């Protein structure tokens, strides 16, 4: 082994999301409240609406997140509650 991943404290010094996780201002644990986690994410410097939604979709396994794409600006109502899956299909098809 030639490299080690940096310790949590070192990451917290340079990455606002890591600092929020270390201090407990942000919770992305399994079972975390998705709405609250997104609100916490949006409070982290540098995290915009799209980034917070993407983290919600991937880290919290939310099946109903939609990120507008150049091809599709709004998801049809029929895609609910599976908009994340539809989005993945759009990305794969692009």
PDB file of N, CA and C in Angstrom:
ATOM      1  N   UNK A   1       0.846  -1.162   0.000  1.00  0.00           N
ATOM      2  CA  UNK A   1       0.000   0.000   0.000  1.00  0.00           C
ATOM      3  C   UNK A   1       0.900   1.237   0.000  1.00  0.00           C
ATOM      4  N   UNK A   2       0.615   2.145  -0.905  1.00  0.00           N
ATOM      5  CA  UNK A   2       1.454   3.339  -1.018  1.00  0.00           C
ATOM      6  C   UNK A   2       0.778   4.615  -0.533  1.00  0.00           C
ATOM      7  N   UNK A   3      -0.545   4.592  -0.422  1.00  0.00           N
ATOM      8  CA  UNK A   3      -1.259   5.801  -0.017  1.00  0.00           C
ATOM      9  C   UNK A   3      -2.345   5.457   0.998  1.00  0.00           C
ATOM     10  N   UNK A   4      -2.583   6.371   1.900  1.00  0.00           N
ATOM     11  CA  UNK A   4      -3.671   6.243   2.857  1.00  0.00           C
ATOM     12  C   UNK A   4      -4.650   7.380   2.644  1.00  0.00           C
ATOM     13  N   UNK A   5      -5.921   7.093   2.870  1.00  0.00           N
ATOM     14  CA  UNK A   5      -6.931   8.139   2.781  1.00  0.00           C
ATOM     15  C   UNK A   5      -6.736   9.089   3.948  1.00  0.00           C
ATOM     16  N   UNK A   6      -6.892  10.386   3.732  1.00  0.00           N
ATOM     17  CA  UNK A   6      -6.673  11.339   4.834  1.00  0.00           C
ATOM     18  C   UNK A   6      -7.641  11.111   5.992  1.00  0.00           C
ATOM     19  N   UNK A   7      -7.187  11.374   7.208  1.00  0.00           N
ATOM     20  CA  UNK A   7      -8.089  11.239   8.360  1.00  0.00           C
ATOM     21  C   UNK A   7      -9.219  12.265   8.279  1.00  0.00           C
ATOM     22  N   UNK A   8     -10.304  11.960   8.967  1.00  0.00           N
ATOM     23  CA  UNK A   8     -11.491  12.804   8.948  1.00  0.00           C
ATOM     24  C   UNK A   8     -11.172  14.242   9.342  1.00  0.00           C
ATOM     25  N   UNK A   9     -10.365  14.424  10.361  1.00  0.00           N
ATOM     26  CA  UNK A   9     -10.035  15.776  10.827  1.00  0.00           C
ATOM     27  C   UNK A   9      -9.324  16.576   9.738  1.00  0.00           C
ATOM     28  N   UNK A  10      -8.464  15.933   8.964  1.00  0.00           N
ATOM     29  CA  UNK A  10      -7.759  16.638   7.887  1.00  0.00           C
ATOM     30  C   UNK A  10      -8.735  17.049   6.789  1.00  0.00           C
ATOM     31  N   UNK A  11      -9.669  16.187   6.475  1.00  0.00           N
ATOM     32  CA  UNK A  11     -10.683  16.535   5.468  1.00  0.00           C
ATOM     33  C   UNK A  11     -11.560  17.681   5.952  1.00  0.00           C
ATOM     34  N   UNK A  12     -11.900  17.644   7.225  1.00  0.00           N
ATOM     35  CA  UNK A  12     -12.778  18.682   7.781  1.00  0.00           C
ATOM     36  C   UNK A  12     -12.146  20.063   7.696  1.00  0.00           C
ATOM     37  N   UNK A  13     -10.819  20.125   7.685  1.00  0.00           N
ATOM     38  CA  UNK A  13     -10.127  21.412   7.606  1.00  0.00           C
ATOM     39  C   UNK A  13     -10.235  22.048   6.218  1.00  0.00           C
ATOM     40  N   UNK A  14     -10.444  21.224   5.181  1.00  0.00           N
ATOM     41  CA  UNK A  14     -10.414  21.755   3.815  1.00  0.00           C
ATOM     42  C   UNK A  14     -11.724  21.588   3.047  1.00  0.00           C
ATOM     43  N   UNK A  15     -12.632  20.775   3.552  1.00  0.00           N
ATOM     44  CA  UNK A  15     -13.880  20.515   2.828  1.00  0.00           C
ATOM     45  C   UNK A  15     -15.075  20.850   3.710  1.00  0.00           C
ATOM     46  N   UNK A  16     -15.870  21.844   3.326  1.00  0.00           N
ATOM     47  CA  UNK A  16     -17.017  22.238   4.153  1.00  0.00           C
ATOM     48  C   UNK A  16     -18.007  21.099   4.418  1.00  0.00           C
ATOM     49  N   UNK A  17     -18.222  20.218   3.450  1.00  0.00           N
ATOM     50  CA  UNK A  17     -19.152  19.100   3.689  1.00  0.00           C
ATOM     51  C   UNK A  17     -18.577  18.161   4.738  1.00  0.00           C
ATOM     52  N   UNK A  18     -17.287  17.861   4.654  1.00  0.00           N
ATOM     53  CA  UNK A  18     -16.661  16.994   5.657  1.00  0.00           C
ATOM     54  C   UNK A  18     -16.748  17.634   7.038  1.00  0.00           C
ATOM     55  N   UNK A  19     -16.527  18.940   7.107  1.00  0.00           N
ATOM     56  CA  UNK A  19     -16.609  19.641   8.391  1.00  0.00           C
ATOM     57  C   UNK A  19     -18.022  19.559   8.952  1.00  0.00           C
ATOM     58  N   UNK A  20     -19.020  19.719   8.098  1.00  0.00           N
ATOM     59  CA  UNK A  20     -20.417  19.631   8.554  1.00  0.00           C
ATOM     60  C   UNK A  20     -20.751  18.229   9.041  1.00  0.00           C
ATOM     61  N   UNK A  21     -20.216  17.215   8.374  1.00  0.00           N
ATOM     62  CA  UNK A  21     -20.446  15.831   8.813  1.00  0.00           C
ATOM     63  C   UNK A  21     -19.762  15.552  10.146  1.00  0.00           C
ATOM     64  N   UNK A  22     -18.524  16.015  10.291  1.00  0.00           N
ATOM     65  CA  UNK A  22     -17.762  15.783  11.522  1.00  0.00           C
ATOM     66  C   UNK A  22     -18.417  16.457  12.716  1.00  0.00           C
ATOM     67  N   UNK A  23     -18.906  17.672  12.523  1.00  0.00           N
ATOM     68  CA  UNK A  23     -19.501  18.411  13.643  1.00  0.00           C
ATOM     69  C   UNK A  23     -20.943  18.004  13.923  1.00  0.00           C
ATOM     70  N   UNK A  24     -21.538  17.224  13.027  1.00  0.00           N
ATOM     71  CA  UNK A  24     -22.912  16.791  13.237  1.00  0.00           C
ATOM     72  C   UNK A  24     -23.955  17.754  12.696  1.00  0.00           C
ATOM     73  N   UNK A  25     -23.516  18.835  12.002  1.00  0.00           N
ATOM     74  CA  UNK A  25     -24.476  19.771  11.405  1.00  0.00           C
ATOM     75  C   UNK A  25     -25.140  19.167  10.178  1.00  0.00           C
ATOM     76  N   UNK A  26     -24.569  18.067   9.664  1.00  0.00           N
ATOM     77  CA  UNK A  26     -25.105  17.386   8.495  1.00  0.00           C
ATOM     78  C   UNK A  26     -25.151  15.895   8.790  1.00  0.00           C
ATOM     79  N   UNK A  27     -26.288  15.277   8.534  1.00  0.00           N
ATOM     80  CA  UNK A  27     -26.456  13.843   8.753  1.00  0.00           C
ATOM     81  C   UNK A  27     -26.877  13.183   7.452  1.00  0.00           C
ATOM     82  N   UNK A  28     -26.049  12.261   6.971  1.00  0.00           N
ATOM     83  CA  UNK A  28     -26.358  11.508   5.764  1.00  0.00           C
ATOM     84  C   UNK A  28     -26.388  10.013   6.054  1.00  0.00           C
ATOM     85  N   UNK A  29     -26.718   9.665   7.279  1.00  0.00           N
ATOM     86  CA  UNK A  29     -26.775   8.267   7.687  1.00  0.00           C
ATOM     87  C   UNK A  29     -27.987   7.574   7.081  1.00  0.00           C
ATOM     88  N   UNK A  30     -27.932   6.241   6.948  1.00  0.00           N
ATOM     89  CA  UNK A  30     -29.129   5.524   6.495  1.00  0.00           C
ATOM     90  C   UNK A  30     -30.305   5.848   7.417  1.00  0.00           C
ATOM     91  N   UNK A  31     -31.429   6.114   6.828  1.00  0.00           N
ATOM     92  CA  UNK A  31     -32.615   6.449   7.603  1.00  0.00           C
ATOM     93  C   UNK A  31     -32.740   7.920   7.934  1.00  0.00           C
ATOM     94  N   UNK A  32     -31.762   8.727   7.502  1.00  0.00           N
ATOM     95  CA  UNK A  32     -31.841  10.170   7.769  1.00  0.00           C
ATOM     96  C   UNK A  32     -33.061  10.754   7.073  1.00  0.00           C
ATOM     97  N   UNK A  33     -33.650  11.760   7.674  1.00  0.00           N
ATOM     98  CA  UNK A  33     -34.773  12.453   7.060  1.00  0.00           C
ATOM     99  C   UNK A  33     -34.258  13.172   5.815  1.00  0.00           C
ATOM    100  N   UNK A  34     -34.782  12.824   4.664  1.00  0.00           N
ATOM    101  CA  UNK A  34     -34.271  13.348   3.389  1.00  0.00           C
ATOM    102  C   UNK A  34     -34.488  14.858   3.247  1.00  0.00           C
ATOM    103  N   UNK A  35     -35.630  15.336   3.661  1.00  0.00           N
ATOM    104  CA  UNK A  35     -35.890  16.773   3.568  1.00  0.00           C
ATOM    105  C   UNK A  35     -34.940  17.559   4.470  1.00  0.00           C
ATOM    106  N   UNK A  36     -34.740  17.064   5.681  1.00  0.00           N
ATOM    107  CA  UNK A  36     -33.842  17.730   6.625  1.00  0.00           C
ATOM    108  C   UNK A  36     -32.395  17.668   6.121  1.00  0.00           C
ATOM    109  N   UNK A  37     -31.985  16.524   5.579  1.00  0.00           N
ATOM    110  CA  UNK A  37     -30.626  16.395   5.049  1.00  0.00           C
ATOM    111  C   UNK A  37     -30.403  17.377   3.902  1.00  0.00           C
ATOM    112  N   UNK A  38     -31.401  17.538   3.032  1.00  0.00           N
ATOM    113  CA  UNK A  38     -31.251  18.489   1.933  1.00  0.00           C
ATOM    114  C   UNK A  38     -31.156  19.915   2.472  1.00  0.00           C
ATOM    115  N   UNK A  39     -31.936  20.235   3.494  1.00  0.00           N
ATOM    116  CA  UNK A  39     -31.860  21.566   4.104  1.00  0.00           C
ATOM    117  C   UNK A  39     -30.464  21.785   4.710  1.00  0.00           C
ATOM    118  N   UNK A  40     -29.953  20.774   5.393  1.00  0.00           N
ATOM    119  CA  UNK A  40     -28.611  20.867   5.976  1.00  0.00           C
ATOM    120  C   UNK A  40     -27.553  21.025   4.887  1.00  0.00           C
ATOM    121  N   UNK A  41     -27.700  20.285   3.810  1.00  0.00           N
ATOM    122  CA  UNK A  41     -26.750  20.395   2.700  1.00  0.00           C
ATOM    123  C   UNK A  41     -26.744  21.798   2.113  1.00  0.00           C
ATOM    124  N   UNK A  42     -27.938  22.365   1.924  1.00  0.00           N
ATOM    125  CA  UNK A  42     -28.034  23.702   1.331  1.00  0.00           C
ATOM    126  C   UNK A  42     -27.395  24.770   2.216  1.00  0.00           C
ATOM    127  N   UNK A  43     -27.242  24.471   3.506  1.00  0.00           N
ATOM    128  CA  UNK A  43     -26.604  25.419   4.425  1.00  0.00           C
ATOM    129  C   UNK A  43     -25.076  25.345   4.365  1.00  0.00           C
ATOM    130  N   UNK A  44     -24.534  24.332   3.709  1.00  0.00           N
ATOM    131  CA  UNK A  44     -23.082  24.180   3.591  1.00  0.00           C
ATOM    132  C   UNK A  44     -22.578  25.101   2.479  1.00  0.00           C
ATOM    133  N   UNK A  45     -21.557  25.912   2.759  1.00  0.00           N
ATOM    134  CA  UNK A  45     -21.021  26.800   1.719  1.00  0.00           C
ATOM    135  C   UNK A  45     -20.577  26.001   0.493  1.00  0.00           C
ATOM    136  N   UNK A  46     -20.990  26.488  -0.674  1.00  0.00           N
ATOM    137  CA  UNK A  46     -20.591  25.849  -1.923  1.00  0.00           C
ATOM    138  C   UNK A  46     -21.529  24.775  -2.429  1.00  0.00           C
ATOM    139  N   UNK A  47     -22.541  24.414  -1.637  1.00  0.00           N
ATOM    140  CA  UNK A  47     -23.492  23.387  -2.066  1.00  0.00           C
ATOM    141  C   UNK A  47     -24.741  24.086  -2.601  1.00  0.00           C
ATOM    142  N   UNK A  48     -24.962  23.928  -3.911  1.00  0.00           N
ATOM    143  CA  UNK A  48     -26.133  24.552  -4.514  1.00  0.00           C
ATOM    144  C   UNK A  48     -27.302  23.564  -4.568  1.00  0.00           C
ATOM    145  N   UNK A  49     -28.415  24.013  -5.109  1.00  0.00           N
ATOM    146  CA  UNK A  49     -29.632  23.203  -5.151  1.00  0.00           C
ATOM    147  C   UNK A  49     -29.414  21.890  -5.912  1.00  0.00           C
ATOM    148  N   UNK A  50     -28.730  21.963  -7.039  1.00  0.00           N
ATOM    149  CA  UNK A  50     -28.491  20.769  -7.865  1.00  0.00           C
ATOM    150  C   UNK A  50     -27.600  19.763  -7.128  1.00  0.00           C
ATOM    151  N   UNK A  51     -26.538  20.251  -6.489  1.00  0.00           N
ATOM    152  CA  UNK A  51     -25.631  19.371  -5.757  1.00  0.00           C
ATOM    153  C   UNK A  51     -26.351  18.705  -4.586  1.00  0.00           C
ATOM    154  N   UNK A  52     -27.143  19.472  -3.854  1.00  0.00           N
ATOM    155  CA  UNK A  52     -27.897  18.915  -2.727  1.00  0.00           C
ATOM    156  C   UNK A  52     -28.869  17.842  -3.204  1.00  0.00           C
ATOM    157  N   UNK A  53     -29.536  18.097  -4.324  1.00  0.00           N
ATOM    158  CA  UNK A  53     -30.475  17.105  -4.868  1.00  0.00           C
ATOM    159  C   UNK A  53     -29.745  15.842  -5.319  1.00  0.00           C
ATOM    160  N   UNK A  54     -28.580  16.011  -5.940  1.00  0.00           N
ATOM    161  CA  UNK A  54     -27.808  14.854  -6.401  1.00  0.00           C
ATOM    162  C   UNK A  54     -27.354  14.009  -5.216  1.00  0.00           C
ATOM    163  N   UNK A  55     -26.870  14.651  -4.167  1.00  0.00           N
ATOM    164  CA  UNK A  55     -26.452  13.913  -2.965  1.00  0.00           C
ATOM    165  C   UNK A  55     -27.656  13.223  -2.340  1.00  0.00           C
ATOM    166  N   UNK A  56     -28.794  13.896  -2.323  1.00  0.00           N
ATOM    167  CA  UNK A  56     -30.017  13.284  -1.791  1.00  0.00           C
ATOM    168  C   UNK A  56     -30.374  12.028  -2.579  1.00  0.00           C
ATOM    169  N   UNK A  57     -30.261  12.107  -3.900  1.00  0.00           N
ATOM    170  CA  UNK A  57     -30.589  10.968  -4.755  1.00  0.00           C
ATOM    171  C   UNK A  57     -29.613   9.818  -4.529  1.00  0.00           C
ATOM    172  N   UNK A  58     -28.312  10.114  -4.507  1.00  0.00           N
ATOM    173  CA  UNK A  58     -27.307   9.057  -4.445  1.00  0.00           C
ATOM    174  C   UNK A  58     -27.033   8.578  -3.013  1.00  0.00           C
ATOM    175  N   UNK A  59     -26.724   9.491  -2.098  1.00  0.00           N
ATOM    176  CA  UNK A  59     -26.321   9.093  -0.752  1.00  0.00           C
ATOM    177  C   UNK A  59     -27.490   8.628   0.100  1.00  0.00           C
ATOM    178  N   UNK A  60     -28.676   9.211  -0.129  1.00  0.00           N
ATOM    179  CA  UNK A  60     -29.836   8.849   0.686  1.00  0.00           C
ATOM    180  C   UNK A  60     -30.819   7.951  -0.066  1.00  0.00           C
ATOM    181  N   UNK A  61     -30.435   7.537  -1.280  1.00  0.00           N
ATOM    182  CA  UNK A  61     -31.231   6.603  -2.088  1.00  0.00           C
ATOM    183  C   UNK A  61     -32.674   7.060  -2.261  1.00  0.00           C
ATOM    184  N   UNK A  62     -32.847   8.364  -2.474  1.00  0.00           N
ATOM    185  CA  UNK A  62     -34.194   8.887  -2.683  1.00  0.00           C
ATOM    186  C   UNK A  62     -34.632   8.557  -4.105  1.00  0.00           C
ATOM    187  N   UNK A  63     -35.697   7.786  -4.272  1.00  0.00           N
ATOM    188  CA  UNK A  63     -36.121   7.378  -5.611  1.00  0.00           C
ATOM    189  C   UNK A  63     -36.884   8.455  -6.368  1.00  0.00           C
ATOM    190  N   UNK A  64     -37.165   9.602  -5.727  1.00  0.00           N
ATOM    191  CA  UNK A  64     -38.023  10.597  -6.365  1.00  0.00           C
ATOM    192  C   UNK A  64     -37.370  11.978  -6.456  1.00  0.00           C
ATOM    193  N   UNK A  65     -36.126  12.019  -6.920  1.00  0.00           N
ATOM    194  CA  UNK A  65     -35.432  13.284  -7.128  1.00  0.00           C
ATOM    195  C   UNK A  65     -35.297  13.484  -8.632  1.00  0.00           C
ATOM    196  N   UNK A  66     -35.557  14.687  -9.089  1.00  0.00           N
ATOM    197  CA  UNK A  66     -35.366  14.978 -10.506  1.00  0.00           C
ATOM    198  C   UNK A  66     -34.475  16.190 -10.670  1.00  0.00           C
ATOM    199  N   UNK A  67     -33.420  16.043 -11.445  1.00  0.00           N
ATOM    200  CA  UNK A  67     -32.534  17.141 -11.787  1.00  0.00           C
ATOM    201  C   UNK A  67     -32.794  17.493 -13.248  1.00  0.00           C
ATOM    202  N   UNK A  68     -33.248  18.683 -13.538  1.00  0.00           N
ATOM    203  CA  UNK A  68     -33.512  19.043 -14.930  1.00  0.00           C
ATOM    204  C   UNK A  68     -32.279  18.852 -15.803  1.00  0.00           C
ATOM    205  N   UNK A  69     -32.510  18.391 -17.008  1.00  0.00           N
ATOM    206  CA  UNK A  69     -31.446  18.212 -17.988  1.00  0.00           C
ATOM    207  C   UNK A  69     -31.745  19.132 -19.170  1.00  0.00           C
ATOM    208  N   UNK A  70     -30.782  19.342 -20.055  1.00  0.00           N
ATOM    209  CA  UNK A  70     -31.081  20.160 -21.235  1.00  0.00           C
ATOM    210  C   UNK A  70     -32.226  19.573 -22.069  1.00  0.00           C
ATOM    211  N   UNK A  71     -32.356  18.253 -22.072  1.00  0.00           N
ATOM    212  CA  UNK A  71     -33.403  17.606 -22.863  1.00  0.00           C
ATOM    213  C   UNK A  71     -34.762  17.643 -22.169  1.00  0.00           C
ATOM    214  N   UNK A  72     -34.768  17.524 -20.858  1.00  0.00           N
ATOM    215  CA  UNK A  72     -36.026  17.474 -20.098  1.00  0.00           C
ATOM    216  C   UNK A  72     -35.926  18.460 -18.945  1.00  0.00           C
ATOM    217  N   UNK A  73     -36.689  19.548 -19.021  1.00  0.00           N
ATOM    218  CA  UNK A  73     -36.632  20.588 -17.985  1.00  0.00           C
ATOM    219  C   UNK A  73     -37.538  20.276 -16.808  1.00  0.00           C
ATOM    220  N   UNK A  74     -38.578  19.481 -17.045  1.00  0.00           N
ATOM    221  CA  UNK A  74     -39.512  19.148 -15.975  1.00  0.00           C
ATOM    222  C   UNK A  74     -39.978  17.709 -16.175  1.00  0.00           C
ATOM    223  N   UNK A  75     -40.022  16.957 -15.091  1.00  0.00           N
ATOM    224  CA  UNK A  75     -40.461  15.566 -15.172  1.00  0.00           C
ATOM    225  C   UNK A  75     -41.976  15.496 -15.235  1.00  0.00           C
ATOM    226  N   UNK A  76     -42.506  14.642 -16.107  1.00  0.00           N
ATOM    227  CA  UNK A  76     -43.959  14.451 -16.124  1.00  0.00           C
ATOM    228  C   UNK A  76     -44.448  13.906 -14.783  1.00  0.00           C
ATOM    229  N   UNK A  77     -45.644  14.268 -14.405  1.00  0.00           N
ATOM    230  CA  UNK A  77     -46.209  13.813 -13.128  1.00  0.00           C
ATOM    231  C   UNK A  77     -46.249  12.292 -13.046  1.00  0.00           C
ATOM    232  N   UNK A  78     -46.383  11.640 -14.175  1.00  0.00           N
ATOM    233  CA  UNK A  78     -46.467  10.168 -14.181  1.00  0.00           C
ATOM    234  C   UNK A  78     -45.165   9.502 -13.746  1.00  0.00           C
ATOM    235  N   UNK A  79     -44.066  10.249 -13.721  1.00  0.00           N
ATOM    236  CA  UNK A  79     -42.788   9.667 -13.292  1.00  0.00           C
ATOM    237  C   UNK A  79     -42.696   9.532 -11.773  1.00  0.00           C
ATOM    238  N   UNK A  80     -43.552  10.228 -11.036  1.00  0.00           N
ATOM    239  CA  UNK A  80     -43.522  10.137  -9.569  1.00  0.00           C
ATOM    240  C   UNK A  80     -44.058   8.794  -9.139  1.00  0.00           C
ATOM    241  N   UNK A  81     -43.545   8.152  -8.171  1.00  0.00           N
ATOM    242  CA  UNK A  81     -42.473   8.537  -7.254  1.00  0.00           C
ATOM    243  C   UNK A  81     -41.106   7.988  -7.658  1.00  0.00           C
ATOM    244  N   UNK A  82     -40.873   7.802  -8.942  1.00  0.00           N
ATOM    245  CA  UNK A  82     -39.642   7.153  -9.400  1.00  0.00           C
ATOM    246  C   UNK A  82     -38.805   8.057 -10.301  1.00  0.00           C
ATOM    247  N   UNK A  83     -38.825   9.348 -10.068  1.00  0.00           N
ATOM    248  CA  UNK A  83     -38.115  10.271 -10.949  1.00  0.00           C
ATOM    249  C   UNK A  83     -36.608  10.033 -10.982  1.00  0.00           C
ATOM    250  N   UNK A  84     -36.000   9.566  -9.886  1.00  0.00           N
ATOM    251  CA  UNK A  84     -34.560   9.283  -9.888  1.00  0.00           C
ATOM    252  C   UNK A  84     -34.232   8.191 -10.896  1.00  0.00           C
ATOM    253  N   UNK A  85     -35.071   7.175 -10.946  1.00  0.00           N
ATOM    254  CA  UNK A  85     -34.833   6.081 -11.895  1.00  0.00           C
ATOM    255  C   UNK A  85     -34.991   6.576 -13.328  1.00  0.00           C
ATOM    256  N   UNK A  86     -35.992   7.387 -13.585  1.00  0.00           N
ATOM    257  CA  UNK A  86     -36.189   7.946 -14.923  1.00  0.00           C
ATOM    258  C   UNK A  86     -34.983   8.788 -15.321  1.00  0.00           C
ATOM    259  N   UNK A  87     -34.456   9.548 -14.384  1.00  0.00           N
ATOM    260  CA  UNK A  87     -33.295  10.373 -14.648  1.00  0.00           C
ATOM    261  C   UNK A  87     -32.092   9.524 -15.026  1.00  0.00           C
ATOM    262  N   UNK A  88     -31.886   8.430 -14.318  1.00  0.00           N
ATOM    263  CA  UNK A  88     -30.779   7.535 -14.666  1.00  0.00           C
ATOM    264  C   UNK A  88     -30.943   6.956 -16.073  1.00  0.00           C
ATOM    265  N   UNK A  89     -32.144   6.631 -16.442  1.00  0.00           N
ATOM    266  CA  UNK A  89     -32.390   6.137 -17.801  1.00  0.00           C
ATOM    267  C   UNK A  89     -32.079   7.216 -18.838  1.00  0.00           C
ATOM    268  N   UNK A  90     -32.454   8.467 -18.556  1.00  0.00           N
ATOM    269  CA  UNK A  90     -32.135   9.568 -19.463  1.00  0.00           C
ATOM    270  C   UNK A  90     -30.632   9.748 -19.600  1.00  0.00           C
ATOM    271  N   UNK A  91     -29.914   9.681 -18.484  1.00  0.00           N
ATOM    272  CA  UNK A  91     -28.455   9.826 -18.530  1.00  0.00           C
ATOM    273  C   UNK A  91     -27.823   8.696 -19.334  1.00  0.00           C
ATOM    274  N   UNK A  92     -28.305   7.471 -19.132  1.00  0.00           N
ATOM    275  CA  UNK A  92     -27.747   6.326 -19.852  1.00  0.00           C
ATOM    276  C   UNK A  92     -28.018   6.429 -21.351  1.00  0.00           C
ATOM    277  N   UNK A  93     -29.155   6.993 -21.714  1.00  0.00           N
ATOM    278  CA  UNK A  93     -29.536   7.093 -23.127  1.00  0.00           C
ATOM    279  C   UNK A  93     -28.785   8.238 -23.837  1.00  0.00           C
ATOM    280  N   UNK A  94     -28.276   9.190 -23.072  1.00  0.00           N
ATOM    281  CA  UNK A  94     -27.623  10.372 -23.668  1.00  0.00           C
ATOM    282  C   UNK A  94     -26.259  10.036 -24.236  1.00  0.00           C
TER     283      UNK A  94
END
